[in-house]
Amino acid sequence: MQNSTPRLVYVLPRLKLAGTKYGQKEVRLGRAEFWPDEDWTWANIISKPRPSWLDIFHEFPASEDDREPDVARGTLLIADEDNWLRENVAKVVPVLYYVGQTEDRWQTPAEAFQHSEFRATNNPAALVSLMTKYGPLLEDERSLQIYPPLGLRGHIRFRVRVDEPLNAELIRRFSANPNDRIVVACRHLFRTQFTDPFLAPFDQDEAGYCACLEAVLGIDSAQRDIGKELGKRLAMIYADLPALPEWVEGLYASRCDFVHGDSGANPSPANPQKQKAYESFRERRGKWTVLRSLCKDVIRHQIEQAAGISNPIRFPNADEALIDSYFQSDDLWSTFKRHVEGENAATRILGLAGEPLRAFCDAASDLLQRHRWDCMKSRPSAKRVANTLRSVQVAILNCPGIEQADKDDALAVSRAAGNGDAEAVKDWIAHHEEWQEYGRGEPMASYLKAIVLHIARYYEETEDQ
């Protein structure tokens, strides 16, 4: 027998959840339960008939024919107590988003988590009844067909691993206190991840990233000079990134442009240190992508601390790698160049032994593993890059462990770079991806070939990127 009491349900029509356990249908985050929008769920979990008006949500139209687009059946969110769910839905969805990043790695934008509230009853009304900030939306279902936003084109499924130790700790904290500082940080991070710059402009996202860092690091609301304090806290986490504190101080100064406008809170020449940090931050490209990785990684770090994990087992982490490259690439490039510049550089490189050889190999390894052209503060001149490439190419020509065909190929790409022929360099790269393998066979030979390929990748970027 069906219970006559209406039940609060949130529909996420664009989100298709997938657990990592065989046969797993639902994802539970404390008292919140995410279930697939299937007939079985309505009959056995919600115990209400599925409103027919939910079919207003459609997938993208098929491009090859005139068929009616498929109905979008995504995810339903319920809880054991309606008032608790209404109060905390804005927090549980961001927690779901964060724990999914273990598998998703920024592939699914925030638009996929758009949700609408309604009350499921034993006798669903024929009218669409969804709540908005302006009040309830009442509409004849026959007059509505709602399609996905552009940012979800090609979106597949969102996989969640709730049993991963750090995810489990975050869920535990959310269950104990939905206003936990780490939970609030997840909410701010989530709100920055819309693909539509109208919904979430870049400068608004900067304010959101600041709020995320303030929350996760437990910054006191009465703290003065919050930007500097954020820099100090982050310096304790990333001790090997000395440029990070000033950059974060610049972020906070830039955030004031969005929050305060010309209220006097933004930097001025009267405060040269803050002005320098502000200008340095504004000049860097790639800020938005690095900030989301920084926020996600700081959240991870704080969860580890909260769980008492002092020496966690680390697997390759794309977010940490990006942060490292963003703040180290200039130094890595400068350090490597010192090894290959000057007269008779090729002869000197090939004659290295002992400690000088180890220093060269370390610099080469760091360049290959950690340097990224798009993470440099400013794009090096093509002429200087071509000169460095030529120095390495000359070393290849004189290296006994390299075949003549490879020497000819190195000479070809060096000449293309010297002539400023970016298209020829890019074509060369496409046929020499195997050169990225180094450390096998003759060490110097493999290093030199991998370095030529890495330097050539400079030409994959255009001037306006």
Foldseek 3Di string as FASTA:
>chain_A
DADQDWFKKKALLLAAEDEPDPPDAWDDQQQKIKGWQDQCCCVPPVNAGDQPLQQLEFEDDDPPDDDDGHRRTHIMMHGPDRVVCVVQVLLVLLLQVLQLCVPCVLLDFLQSRDIWMDIGGNDDDQWDWTADPVGTDTHHSVVGHDYGDPSCVPPDHGYGYCPPVLSVLVSVVCNVPVVQLLSVLSSLLNCLGHPDCVSPPPLNNLLSLLSSLCSLLVPDPPDPLVLQVSLVVVCVVCVVQVVRSLLSLLSVLSNCCVVPNPPVSHDDVVPVSSVVSVVLNVLAPPPSVLSSLVSSVSSSVSSCVVVVPPPDDDDDDPNVLLNQQLRCQVVLVVQQLVQQDDPPSLVVQLPDDDPVVVSNLVSLVCCLRRYDQSSDSAHDDLQVLLVSLVSLLVNLVVDPVDDPVLNVLSVVLSVCSNVVPLVSLVVSLVVPVVLCDAPPDPRSNSSSSNVSSSSSCSSVDDNVD
